[in-house]
Amino acid sequence: MEEKIQKSEKAVRWGLWVRFLWYIIAGVAQAMLWGILTPNHFFRHLRSILGWDIGLVIHFWVIRSKSRSPGPAMT
Protein backbone atom coordinates (compact mmCIF):
# COMPACT_ATOMS: atom_id res chain seq x y z
CA MET A 1 0.00 0.00 0.00
CA GLU A 2 2.84 2.41 0.81
CA GLU A 3 4.36 1.89 -2.65
CA LYS A 4 1.07 2.88 -4.24
CA ILE A 5 0.91 6.04 -2.11
CA GLN A 6 4.50 6.94 -2.99
CA LYS A 7 3.82 6.43 -6.68
CA SER A 8 0.80 8.68 -6.51
CA GLU A 9 2.85 11.39 -4.77
CA LYS A 10 5.48 11.08 -7.49
CA ALA A 11 2.75 11.32 -10.12
CA VAL A 12 1.37 14.47 -8.53
CA ARG A 13 4.83 16.05 -8.40
CA TRP A 14 5.46 15.04 -12.01
CA GLY A 15 2.13 16.63 -12.90
CA LEU A 16 3.30 19.88 -11.34
CA TRP A 17 6.51 19.84 -13.41
CA VAL A 18 4.53 19.15 -16.59
CA ARG A 19 2.14 21.96 -15.76
CA PHE A 20 5.06 24.32 -15.07
CA LEU A 21 6.69 23.40 -18.38
CA TRP A 22 3.50 24.14 -20.30
CA TYR A 23 3.11 27.39 -18.33
CA ILE A 24 6.54 28.50 -19.57
CA ILE A 25 5.86 27.39 -23.15
CA ALA A 26 2.44 29.07 -23.27
CA GLY A 27 3.66 32.29 -21.66
CA VAL A 28 6.64 32.61 -23.97
CA ALA A 29 4.50 31.80 -27.03
CA GLN A 30 1.91 34.43 -26.06
CA ALA A 31 4.58 37.05 -25.44
CA MET A 32 6.31 36.28 -28.74
CA LEU A 33 3.08 36.41 -30.74
CA TRP A 34 2.10 39.68 -29.08
CA GLY A 35 5.55 41.13 -29.78
CA ILE A 36 5.43 40.08 -33.43
CA LEU A 37 1.80 40.79 -34.30
CA THR A 38 0.62 43.68 -32.10
CA PRO A 39 3.48 45.25 -30.12
CA ASN A 40 1.76 48.66 -29.91
CA HIS A 41 -1.35 47.32 -28.16
CA PHE A 42 -1.95 46.45 -24.52
CA PHE A 43 -0.53 43.05 -23.51
CA ARG A 44 -3.94 41.46 -22.96
CA HIS A 45 -2.42 37.99 -22.53
CA LEU A 46 -1.34 39.05 -19.07
CA ARG A 47 -4.72 37.89 -17.71
CA SER A 48 -4.31 34.33 -18.97
CA ILE A 49 -0.73 34.18 -17.71
CA LEU A 50 -1.86 35.40 -14.28
CA GLY A 51 -4.59 32.77 -14.31
CA TRP A 52 -1.96 30.10 -14.87
CA ASP A 53 0.05 31.62 -12.01
CA ILE A 54 -2.87 31.13 -9.66
CA GLY A 55 -3.30 27.53 -10.84
CA LEU A 56 0.39 26.77 -10.32
CA VAL A 57 0.36 28.26 -6.83
CA ILE A 58 -2.70 26.19 -5.86
CA HIS A 59 -1.17 23.03 -7.36
CA PHE A 60 2.08 23.62 -5.44
CA TRP A 61 0.14 24.38 -2.24
CA VAL A 62 -1.85 21.12 -2.51
CA ILE A 63 1.31 19.08 -3.06
CA ARG A 64 3.08 20.80 -0.17
CA SER A 65 0.16 20.31 2.23
CA LYS A 66 -0.13 16.61 1.30
CA SER A 67 3.58 16.03 1.88
CA ARG A 68 3.39 17.64 5.33
CA SER A 69 0.28 15.83 6.50
CA PRO A 70 0.82 12.63 8.47
CA GLY A 71 0.13 9.37 6.69
CA PRO A 72 -2.45 6.80 7.73
CA ALA A 73 -2.02 5.40 11.22
CA MET A 74 -0.23 2.05 11.38
CA THR A 75 -1.93 -0.47 13.65
C-alpha atoms as a PDB file:
ATOM      1  CA  MET A   1       0.000   0.000   0.000  1.00  0.00           C
ATOM      2  CA  GLU A   2       2.836   2.406   0.809  1.00  0.00           C
ATOM      3  CA  GLU A   3       4.362   1.894  -2.648  1.00  0.00           C
ATOM      4  CA  LYS A   4       1.073   2.883  -4.239  1.00  0.00           C
ATOM      5  CA  ILE A   5       0.906   6.036  -2.111  1.00  0.00           C
ATOM      6  CA  GLN A   6       4.500   6.936  -2.994  1.00  0.00           C
ATOM      7  CA  LYS A   7       3.821   6.433  -6.684  1.00  0.00           C
ATOM      8  CA  SER A   8       0.800   8.679  -6.512  1.00  0.00           C
ATOM      9  CA  GLU A   9       2.846  11.386  -4.769  1.00  0.00           C
ATOM     10  CA  LYS A  10       5.475  11.082  -7.495  1.00  0.00           C
ATOM     11  CA  ALA A  11       2.753  11.319 -10.123  1.00  0.00           C
ATOM     12  CA  VAL A  12       1.374  14.472  -8.529  1.00  0.00           C
ATOM     13  CA  ARG A  13       4.835  16.047  -8.395  1.00  0.00           C
ATOM     14  CA  TRP A  14       5.463  15.040 -12.006  1.00  0.00           C
ATOM     15  CA  GLY A  15       2.129  16.633 -12.896  1.00  0.00           C
ATOM     16  CA  LEU A  16       3.303  19.883 -11.335  1.00  0.00           C
ATOM     17  CA  TRP A  17       6.505  19.840 -13.409  1.00  0.00           C
ATOM     18  CA  VAL A  18       4.529  19.150 -16.589  1.00  0.00           C
ATOM     19  CA  ARG A  19       2.136  21.959 -15.759  1.00  0.00           C
ATOM     20  CA  PHE A  20       5.062  24.321 -15.069  1.00  0.00           C
ATOM     21  CA  LEU A  21       6.690  23.396 -18.376  1.00  0.00           C
ATOM     22  CA  TRP A  22       3.496  24.141 -20.296  1.00  0.00           C
ATOM     23  CA  TYR A  23       3.112  27.393 -18.330  1.00  0.00           C
ATOM     24  CA  ILE A  24       6.535  28.503 -19.565  1.00  0.00           C
ATOM     25  CA  ILE A  25       5.856  27.391 -23.149  1.00  0.00           C
ATOM     26  CA  ALA A  26       2.441  29.073 -23.274  1.00  0.00           C
ATOM     27  CA  GLY A  27       3.663  32.290 -21.660  1.00  0.00           C
ATOM     28  CA  VAL A  28       6.643  32.608 -23.974  1.00  0.00           C
ATOM     29  CA  ALA A  29       4.503  31.803 -27.031  1.00  0.00           C
ATOM     30  CA  GLN A  30       1.906  34.425 -26.059  1.00  0.00           C
ATOM     31  CA  ALA A  31       4.580  37.052 -25.442  1.00  0.00           C
ATOM     32  CA  MET A  32       6.309  36.279 -28.743  1.00  0.00           C
ATOM     33  CA  LEU A  33       3.080  36.407 -30.736  1.00  0.00           C
ATOM     34  CA  TRP A  34       2.102  39.676 -29.078  1.00  0.00           C
ATOM     35  CA  GLY A  35       5.550  41.134 -29.784  1.00  0.00           C
ATOM     36  CA  ILE A  36       5.431  40.083 -33.432  1.00  0.00           C
ATOM     37  CA  LEU A  37       1.799  40.794 -34.299  1.00  0.00           C
ATOM     38  CA  THR A  38       0.616  43.683 -32.100  1.00  0.00           C
ATOM     39  CA  PRO A  39       3.483  45.253 -30.120  1.00  0.00           C
ATOM     40  CA  ASN A  40       1.765  48.662 -29.912  1.00  0.00           C
ATOM     41  CA  HIS A  41      -1.347  47.320 -28.164  1.00  0.00           C
ATOM     42  CA  PHE A  42      -1.947  46.453 -24.523  1.00  0.00           C
ATOM     43  CA  PHE A  43      -0.535  43.052 -23.510  1.00  0.00           C
ATOM     44  CA  ARG A  44      -3.940  41.460 -22.962  1.00  0.00           C
ATOM     45  CA  HIS A  45      -2.416  37.991 -22.534  1.00  0.00           C
ATOM     46  CA  LEU A  46      -1.341  39.047 -19.075  1.00  0.00           C
ATOM     47  CA  ARG A  47      -4.717  37.888 -17.713  1.00  0.00           C
ATOM     48  CA  SER A  48      -4.311  34.332 -18.967  1.00  0.00           C
ATOM     49  CA  ILE A  49      -0.727  34.179 -17.710  1.00  0.00           C
ATOM     50  CA  LEU A  50      -1.860  35.401 -14.280  1.00  0.00           C
ATOM     51  CA  GLY A  51      -4.590  32.767 -14.305  1.00  0.00           C
ATOM     52  CA  TRP A  52      -1.955  30.098 -14.869  1.00  0.00           C
ATOM     53  CA  ASP A  53       0.053  31.623 -12.006  1.00  0.00           C
ATOM     54  CA  ILE A  54      -2.865  31.129  -9.662  1.00  0.00           C
ATOM     55  CA  GLY A  55      -3.304  27.531 -10.840  1.00  0.00           C
ATOM     56  CA  LEU A  56       0.392  26.774 -10.324  1.00  0.00           C
ATOM     57  CA  VAL A  57       0.363  28.257  -6.825  1.00  0.00           C
ATOM     58  CA  ILE A  58      -2.695  26.193  -5.865  1.00  0.00           C
ATOM     59  CA  HIS A  59      -1.169  23.033  -7.360  1.00  0.00           C
ATOM     60  CA  PHE A  60       2.078  23.615  -5.435  1.00  0.00           C
ATOM     61  CA  TRP A  61       0.139  24.377  -2.236  1.00  0.00           C
ATOM     62  CA  VAL A  62      -1.846  21.120  -2.514  1.00  0.00           C
ATOM     63  CA  ILE A  63       1.312  19.082  -3.055  1.00  0.00           C
ATOM     64  CA  ARG A  64       3.075  20.795  -0.170  1.00  0.00           C
ATOM     65  CA  SER A  65       0.159  20.310   2.231  1.00  0.00           C
ATOM     66  CA  LYS A  66      -0.127  16.612   1.300  1.00  0.00           C
ATOM     67  CA  SER A  67       3.585  16.031   1.884  1.00  0.00           C
ATOM     68  CA  ARG A  68       3.394  17.644   5.332  1.00  0.00           C
ATOM     69  CA  SER A  69       0.277  15.826   6.496  1.00  0.00           C
ATOM     70  CA  PRO A  70       0.817  12.631   8.471  1.00  0.00           C
ATOM     71  CA  GLY A  71       0.126   9.374   6.693  1.00  0.00           C
ATOM     72  CA  PRO A  72      -2.451   6.799   7.726  1.00  0.00           C
ATOM     73  CA  ALA A  73      -2.019   5.401  11.222  1.00  0.00           C
ATOM     74  CA  MET A  74      -0.233   2.051  11.383  1.00  0.00           C
ATOM     75  CA  THR A  75      -1.934  -0.465  13.645  1.00  0.00           C
END
